[in-house]
Amino acid sequence: MSETVRGVIARSKGAPVEIVDVVIPDPGPHDVVVRVQACGVCHTDLHYREGGINDEFPFLLGHEAAGLVETVGDAVTHVEVGDYVVLNWRAVCGECRACKRGRPWYCFASHNASKKMTLTDGTELSPALGIGAFVDKTLVHEGQCTKVDPAADPAVAGLLGCGVMAGIGAAMNTGNVSRGDTVAVIGCGGVGDAAIAGARLAGAKTIIAVDRDKQKLDWATDFGATHTVDATTEDVVEKIQEYTDGFGADVVIEAVGRPETWKQAFYARDLAGTVVLVGVPTPDMTLDMPLIDLFSRGGALKSSWYGDCLPERDFPTLVDLHLQGRLPLERFVTERISLDQVEAAFAAMHTGDVLRSVVVL
């Protein structure tokens, strides 16, 4: 039987979010109803509200979530009722050209629920990243549920569903940071600090944090940065070179998503080093670079989608590392809020006072 629950939607571009009744349909054969326990407030949700993703309003926001499987479709084999899961937006299909080539982290046909959640008047909702988790319960495909150790706090574990995984994966998966590497991270919000934590976990010897905000640089130090650069007063490229014996960093992770910071990342890397773009640019942004510079420096220029992660491989491992005390995921949770505080959490993003606000249900 379908049921009605509370959820947070963005009804139109730029309008404040609303708490409304959301109808959860009976799950299809491979669908799962998850009772959401916690969901992080991510910049991507704000992009949806602002119309920066697409115009398929109304959106059911929220996607960094953990919870308990409550109901399963009759063909579900991946999870069972009562399983503790982190939701993910890369439910790999196994059939697309990326999956068949052994690169499922690039899956082009990720699964979503077969039915739509709606408003009580029947209006279909577009769930953020195919999840929609600012809601008491949500409907997802079974492949979007990744079982993890239930000892992990939902407010912490759920952050692996997007931003924290994006940063850790940018360092460990895309950037392939290894023991003894030098790493620089430009932009020290949630994703950048996660990249710093990932670089530390991978054994980097030097980790340089770059930002314009002192509070963020302090947070970066807590996550493992060995040096900091205040981009308001210091030359970013020169300081990164100074901290790497004049050579530049082996891996530079750009977590801002702007042409000027990407250029800093490019020129701050060592010859044959790697630049990883994990910050999300807007469609109007362009780069103007001398082609000879691209040729003469060698190395790799990469973008990182979701930290090039495989949820089934990465989420349980990272949760285990957290429970062992080796990955301080709890430090990303700045505040715990209720559904009616999501709009205020969006405002707090602009002040730089929070890494993550987390809705606890």
Protein backbone atom coordinates (compact mmCIF):
# COMPACT_ATOMS: atom_id res chain seq x y z
CA MET A 1 0.00 0.00 0.00
CA SER A 2 1.20 3.52 -0.77
CA GLU A 3 1.72 5.84 2.19
CA THR A 4 2.10 9.54 2.85
CA VAL A 5 5.12 11.03 4.63
CA ARG A 6 6.73 14.44 5.15
CA GLY A 7 9.31 15.72 2.71
CA VAL A 8 11.17 18.86 1.61
CA ILE A 9 10.65 20.03 -1.97
CA ALA A 10 11.82 22.86 -4.21
CA ARG A 11 8.68 23.84 -6.10
CA SER A 12 10.19 26.47 -8.41
CA LYS A 13 13.53 28.06 -9.26
CA GLY A 14 14.99 30.03 -6.38
CA ALA A 15 11.88 29.79 -4.18
CA PRO A 16 12.29 28.78 -0.52
CA VAL A 17 11.87 25.07 0.09
CA GLU A 18 8.62 23.71 1.51
CA ILE A 19 7.65 20.82 3.77
CA VAL A 20 4.83 18.92 2.07
CA ASP A 21 3.09 15.54 2.12
CA VAL A 22 4.83 13.07 -0.18
CA VAL A 23 3.17 9.88 -1.42
CA ILE A 24 5.43 6.82 -1.47
CA PRO A 25 4.05 4.22 -3.91
CA ASP A 26 4.29 0.48 -3.48
CA PRO A 27 7.77 -0.59 -4.59
CA GLY A 28 8.24 -2.08 -8.05
CA PRO A 29 9.96 -5.47 -8.43
CA HIS A 30 13.49 -4.10 -7.86
CA ASP A 31 12.54 -1.11 -5.70
CA VAL A 32 13.11 -0.56 -1.98
CA VAL A 33 11.46 1.73 0.58
CA VAL A 34 14.04 3.10 3.02
CA ARG A 35 13.20 4.79 6.29
CA VAL A 36 15.62 7.72 6.29
CA GLN A 37 17.47 8.29 9.54
CA ALA A 38 19.76 11.14 8.47
CA CYS A 39 20.56 13.14 5.34
CA GLY A 40 23.28 15.72 4.75
CA VAL A 41 22.56 19.11 3.20
CA CYS A 42 24.79 19.26 0.11
CA HIS A 43 25.57 22.10 -2.31
CA THR A 44 24.06 19.92 -5.04
CA ASP A 45 20.67 20.25 -3.33
CA LEU A 46 21.06 24.02 -3.47
CA HIS A 47 21.96 23.75 -7.17
CA TYR A 48 18.71 21.86 -7.72
CA ARG A 49 16.72 24.54 -5.88
CA GLU A 50 18.39 27.26 -7.95
CA GLY A 51 17.65 25.48 -11.23
CA GLY A 52 21.33 24.80 -11.83
CA ILE A 53 20.83 21.10 -12.62
CA ASN A 54 17.71 21.14 -14.78
CA ASP A 55 14.19 22.56 -14.71
CA GLU A 56 12.27 19.40 -13.81
CA PHE A 57 10.52 20.98 -10.82
CA PRO A 58 9.26 20.15 -8.28
CA PHE A 59 12.33 18.45 -6.82
CA LEU A 60 12.34 16.22 -3.78
CA LEU A 61 15.67 17.29 -2.30
CA GLY A 62 18.29 15.38 -0.31
CA HIS A 63 20.63 12.58 -1.33
CA GLU A 64 23.42 12.06 1.29
CA ALA A 65 21.46 9.62 3.39
CA ALA A 66 21.53 6.55 5.59
CA GLY A 67 18.62 4.54 6.91
CA LEU A 68 16.88 1.20 7.29
CA VAL A 69 15.29 -0.90 4.57
CA GLU A 70 11.59 -1.11 5.38
CA THR A 71 9.91 -2.69 2.34
CA VAL A 72 11.30 -4.50 -0.70
CA GLY A 73 9.91 -5.38 -4.14
CA ASP A 74 9.22 -9.00 -4.99
CA ALA A 75 12.38 -9.39 -7.12
CA VAL A 76 14.82 -7.70 -4.74
CA THR A 77 17.85 -9.84 -3.81
CA HIS A 78 20.42 -7.18 -2.96
CA VAL A 79 19.07 -6.17 0.46
CA GLU A 80 16.57 -7.38 3.04
CA VAL A 81 14.10 -5.69 5.36
CA GLY A 82 15.99 -4.29 8.35
CA ASP A 83 19.33 -3.78 6.55
CA TYR A 84 21.21 -0.60 7.48
CA VAL A 85 22.21 1.14 4.24
CA VAL A 86 23.85 4.23 2.81
CA LEU A 87 22.10 5.48 -0.31
CA ASN A 88 24.07 6.06 -3.49
CA TRP A 89 23.37 7.52 -6.91
CA ARG A 90 25.60 5.11 -8.81
CA ALA A 91 23.62 1.85 -8.91
CA VAL A 92 25.71 0.32 -11.69
CA CYS A 93 23.80 -1.43 -14.46
CA GLY A 94 26.41 -4.01 -15.44
CA GLU A 95 25.37 -3.79 -19.08
CA CYS A 96 26.50 -0.42 -20.48
CA ARG A 97 29.73 0.00 -22.41
CA ALA A 98 31.60 1.29 -19.34
CA CYS A 99 30.51 -1.64 -17.18
CA LYS A 100 31.34 -4.17 -19.89
CA ARG A 101 34.83 -2.68 -20.24
CA GLY A 102 35.45 -3.16 -16.52
CA ARG A 103 34.98 0.51 -15.63
CA PRO A 104 31.72 0.50 -13.68
CA TRP A 105 32.62 3.75 -11.89
CA TYR A 106 31.77 5.40 -15.23
CA CYS A 107 28.40 3.58 -15.54
CA PHE A 108 26.23 5.42 -18.06
CA ALA A 109 22.90 3.80 -17.10
CA SER A 110 22.72 3.87 -13.31
CA HIS A 111 19.48 2.41 -11.94
CA ASN A 112 16.73 4.43 -10.24
CA ALA A 113 13.36 3.49 -8.79
CA SER A 114 10.81 2.29 -11.35
CA LYS A 115 8.02 4.44 -9.89
CA LYS A 116 7.69 8.11 -9.05
CA MET A 117 7.01 9.61 -5.65
CA THR A 118 4.30 12.28 -5.90
CA LEU A 119 2.51 15.07 -4.13
CA THR A 120 -0.94 14.22 -2.82
CA ASP A 121 -2.52 15.75 -5.94
CA GLY A 122 -0.57 13.32 -8.14
CA THR A 123 2.18 15.73 -9.26
CA GLU A 124 5.30 13.68 -9.91
CA LEU A 125 8.43 14.63 -8.00
CA SER A 126 11.98 14.61 -9.39
CA PRO A 127 14.20 13.10 -6.67
CA ALA A 128 17.59 14.77 -6.31
CA LEU A 129 20.20 12.50 -7.91
CA GLY A 130 17.54 9.82 -8.17
CA ILE A 131 17.24 9.59 -4.37
CA GLY A 132 15.20 12.37 -2.71
CA ALA A 133 15.99 11.86 0.98
CA PHE A 134 14.79 14.96 2.83
CA VAL A 135 11.81 12.82 3.65
CA ASP A 136 10.72 10.33 6.30
CA LYS A 137 10.89 7.48 3.76
CA THR A 138 12.10 7.32 0.18
CA LEU A 139 11.79 4.95 -2.77
CA VAL A 140 14.98 3.85 -4.55
CA HIS A 141 16.32 1.01 -6.67
CA GLU A 142 17.83 -1.85 -4.67
CA GLY A 143 21.22 -1.09 -6.24
CA GLN A 144 21.13 2.36 -4.66
CA CYS A 145 21.32 0.74 -1.22
CA THR A 146 24.77 -0.15 0.11
CA LYS A 147 24.90 -2.18 3.32
CA VAL A 148 27.37 -0.94 5.93
CA ASP A 149 28.15 -1.70 9.56
CA PRO A 150 25.12 -0.59 11.65
CA ALA A 151 27.46 0.64 14.38
CA ALA A 152 28.11 3.77 12.32
CA ASP A 153 26.10 6.89 13.20
CA PRO A 154 23.62 7.56 10.34
CA ALA A 155 24.46 11.29 10.38
CA VAL A 156 28.07 10.34 9.68
CA ALA A 157 27.70 7.33 7.39
CA GLY A 158 25.19 9.07 5.13
CA LEU A 159 27.75 11.68 4.10
CA LEU A 160 29.53 9.01 2.06
CA GLY A 161 26.55 9.20 -0.27
CA CYS A 162 27.96 12.25 -2.04
CA GLY A 163 30.36 14.99 -0.89
CA VAL A 164 32.67 13.09 1.43
CA MET A 165 33.00 10.21 -1.02
CA ALA A 166 33.65 12.68 -3.83
CA GLY A 167 36.60 14.17 -1.95
CA ILE A 168 38.11 10.96 -0.59
CA GLY A 169 37.72 9.31 -3.98
CA ALA A 170 39.27 12.27 -5.80
CA ALA A 171 42.43 11.62 -3.81
CA MET A 172 42.48 7.85 -3.52
CA ASN A 173 40.72 6.70 -6.70
CA THR A 174 41.08 9.43 -9.33
CA GLY A 175 44.33 10.97 -8.12
CA ASN A 176 45.77 7.62 -7.04
CA VAL A 177 47.64 9.27 -4.17
CA SER A 178 50.16 6.88 -2.69
CA ARG A 179 52.69 6.72 0.13
CA GLY A 180 55.22 9.53 0.05
CA ASP A 181 53.34 11.71 -2.45
CA THR A 182 53.00 15.46 -2.17
CA VAL A 183 49.42 16.70 -2.52
CA ALA A 184 47.79 20.13 -2.69
CA VAL A 185 44.05 20.72 -2.28
CA ILE A 186 42.57 24.00 -3.49
CA GLY A 187 39.25 24.74 -1.81
CA CYS A 188 38.74 23.41 1.72
CA GLY A 189 35.02 23.00 2.13
CA GLY A 190 33.51 19.58 2.75
CA VAL A 191 34.78 18.01 -0.49
CA GLY A 192 38.25 19.53 -0.18
CA ASP A 193 38.63 18.45 3.43
CA ALA A 194 37.52 14.96 2.46
CA ALA A 195 40.26 14.96 -0.18
CA ILE A 196 42.74 15.94 2.52
CA ALA A 197 41.51 13.10 4.74
CA GLY A 198 41.82 10.72 1.80
CA ALA A 199 45.36 11.87 0.99
CA ARG A 200 46.36 11.40 4.61
CA LEU A 201 44.82 7.93 4.67
CA ALA A 202 46.75 7.05 1.50
CA GLY A 203 50.05 8.03 3.13
CA ALA A 204 50.90 11.37 1.49
CA LYS A 205 53.91 12.96 3.18
CA THR A 206 53.00 16.57 2.39
CA ILE A 207 49.42 17.86 2.17
CA ILE A 208 48.96 21.55 1.35
CA ALA A 209 45.57 23.16 1.95
CA VAL A 210 44.64 26.30 0.00
CA ASP A 211 41.68 28.54 0.76
CA ARG A 212 40.65 32.16 1.31
CA ASP A 213 38.98 31.50 4.67
CA LYS A 214 40.93 31.05 7.91
CA GLN A 215 38.26 28.85 9.46
CA LYS A 216 38.43 26.49 6.52
CA LEU A 217 42.21 26.35 6.72
CA ASP A 218 41.91 25.47 10.41
CA TRP A 219 39.49 22.66 9.54
CA ALA A 220 41.88 21.47 6.84
CA THR A 221 44.67 21.19 9.42
CA ASP A 222 42.39 19.09 11.62
CA PHE A 223 41.83 16.70 8.71
CA GLY A 224 45.55 16.25 8.08
CA ALA A 225 46.97 19.20 6.12
CA THR A 226 50.65 19.68 6.89
CA HIS A 227 50.79 23.21 5.40
CA THR A 228 48.24 25.92 4.64
CA VAL A 229 48.13 28.71 2.07
CA ASP A 230 45.94 31.79 2.48
CA ALA A 231 44.99 32.60 -1.11
CA THR A 232 44.02 36.15 -0.16
CA THR A 233 47.57 37.13 0.77
CA GLU A 234 49.92 34.53 -0.74
CA ASP A 235 50.78 33.41 -4.26
CA VAL A 236 49.25 29.95 -4.41
CA VAL A 237 51.56 28.46 -7.04
CA GLU A 238 54.71 29.84 -5.43
CA LYS A 239 53.75 28.59 -1.95
CA ILE A 240 52.91 25.09 -3.19
CA GLN A 241 56.27 24.96 -4.97
CA GLU A 242 58.00 26.22 -1.84
CA TYR A 243 56.47 23.42 0.25
CA THR A 244 57.46 20.78 -2.34
CA ASP A 245 61.17 21.57 -2.71
CA GLY A 246 60.51 23.85 -5.67
CA PHE A 247 58.98 21.16 -7.86
CA GLY A 248 55.23 21.40 -7.36
CA ALA A 249 52.89 18.75 -5.98
CA ASP A 250 52.55 15.23 -7.35
CA VAL A 251 48.77 15.56 -7.20
CA VAL A 252 46.75 18.80 -7.07
CA ILE A 253 43.03 18.49 -6.34
CA GLU A 254 40.87 21.43 -7.40
CA ALA A 255 37.73 21.44 -5.25
CA VAL A 256 36.36 24.86 -6.24
CA GLY A 257 35.36 24.48 -9.87
CA ARG A 258 36.55 27.80 -11.31
CA PRO A 259 38.91 28.53 -14.22
CA GLU A 260 41.30 30.62 -12.14
CA THR A 261 41.71 27.97 -9.44
CA TRP A 262 42.06 25.21 -12.05
CA LYS A 263 44.93 27.18 -13.62
CA GLN A 264 46.55 27.47 -10.20
CA ALA A 265 46.25 23.70 -9.86
CA PHE A 266 47.76 23.16 -13.30
CA TYR A 267 50.81 25.33 -12.71
CA ALA A 268 51.27 24.15 -9.11
CA ARG A 269 51.82 20.50 -10.03
CA ASP A 270 55.14 18.85 -10.65
CA LEU A 271 56.17 17.85 -14.19
CA ALA A 272 54.14 14.78 -15.13
CA GLY A 273 51.98 15.39 -12.06
CA THR A 274 48.22 14.97 -11.90
CA VAL A 275 45.46 17.57 -11.68
CA VAL A 276 42.09 16.34 -10.44
CA LEU A 277 39.02 18.54 -10.95
CA VAL A 278 36.34 17.62 -8.42
CA GLY A 279 34.85 21.10 -7.97
CA VAL A 280 31.80 21.53 -10.21
CA PRO A 281 31.99 24.42 -12.72
CA THR A 282 28.98 26.16 -14.19
CA PRO A 283 28.16 25.68 -17.90
CA ASP A 284 29.31 29.19 -18.84
CA MET A 285 32.88 28.80 -17.56
CA THR A 286 35.72 28.50 -20.09
CA LEU A 287 39.50 28.06 -20.07
CA ASP A 288 42.07 29.91 -22.18
CA MET A 289 45.42 28.14 -21.99
CA PRO A 290 48.56 28.03 -24.16
CA LEU A 291 48.45 24.60 -25.80
CA ILE A 292 52.24 24.32 -25.50
CA ASP A 293 51.89 24.39 -21.69
CA LEU A 294 49.58 21.40 -21.81
CA PHE A 295 52.02 19.56 -24.04
CA SER A 296 55.23 20.44 -22.28
CA ARG A 297 54.24 19.58 -18.72
CA GLY A 298 52.98 16.05 -19.41
CA GLY A 299 51.15 14.19 -16.68
CA ALA A 300 47.40 13.80 -16.38
CA LEU A 301 44.43 16.17 -16.27
CA LYS A 302 41.43 14.39 -14.80
CA SER A 303 37.91 15.09 -13.64
CA SER A 304 36.43 13.09 -10.80
CA TRP A 305 32.75 12.09 -10.79
CA TYR A 306 31.60 10.87 -7.37
CA GLY A 307 35.24 10.20 -6.55
CA ASP A 308 35.27 7.47 -9.21
CA CYS A 309 33.80 5.28 -6.50
CA LEU A 310 32.10 1.92 -6.49
CA PRO A 311 29.69 2.15 -3.56
CA GLU A 312 29.69 -1.59 -2.88
CA ARG A 313 33.47 -1.57 -2.65
CA ASP A 314 34.14 1.81 -1.05
CA PHE A 315 31.32 2.58 1.40
CA PRO A 316 31.76 -0.47 3.68
CA THR A 317 35.54 -0.08 3.68
CA LEU A 318 35.41 3.61 4.60
CA VAL A 319 32.83 2.99 7.32
CA ASP A 320 35.07 0.28 8.77
CA LEU A 321 38.06 2.64 8.72
CA HIS A 322 35.94 5.24 10.48
CA LEU A 323 34.89 2.78 13.18
CA GLN A 324 38.55 1.84 13.65
CA GLY A 325 39.35 5.50 14.36
CA ARG A 326 41.43 5.92 11.19
CA LEU A 327 39.03 8.17 9.25
CA PRO A 328 37.42 11.02 11.26
CA LEU A 329 34.14 11.28 9.36
CA GLU A 330 32.37 12.64 12.44
CA ARG A 331 34.27 15.93 12.05
CA PHE A 332 32.30 16.76 8.91
CA VAL A 333 29.04 17.03 10.90
CA THR A 334 28.84 20.63 12.06
CA GLU A 335 25.21 20.63 13.14
CA ARG A 336 22.20 18.34 13.32
CA ILE A 337 18.94 19.88 12.20
CA SER A 338 15.30 19.05 11.47
CA LEU A 339 13.46 19.08 8.14
CA ASP A 340 12.13 22.57 8.76
CA GLN A 341 15.68 23.95 9.01
CA VAL A 342 16.86 22.98 5.50
CA GLU A 343 16.36 26.49 4.11
CA ALA A 344 18.44 27.93 6.96
CA ALA A 345 21.12 25.33 6.22
CA PHE A 346 21.29 26.57 2.62
CA ALA A 347 21.86 30.09 3.95
CA ALA A 348 24.62 28.83 6.26
CA MET A 349 26.51 27.49 3.25
CA HIS A 350 27.19 31.04 2.14
CA THR A 351 28.72 32.08 5.47
CA GLY A 352 31.36 29.33 5.55
CA ASP A 353 30.43 28.45 9.13
CA VAL A 354 29.53 24.81 8.45
CA LEU A 355 31.06 21.83 6.73
CA ARG A 356 27.81 19.86 6.78
CA SER A 357 24.40 20.42 8.27
CA VAL A 358 22.70 17.04 8.66
CA VAL A 359 18.96 16.50 8.83
CA VAL A 360 18.18 13.89 11.49
CA LEU A 361 14.78 12.22 11.28
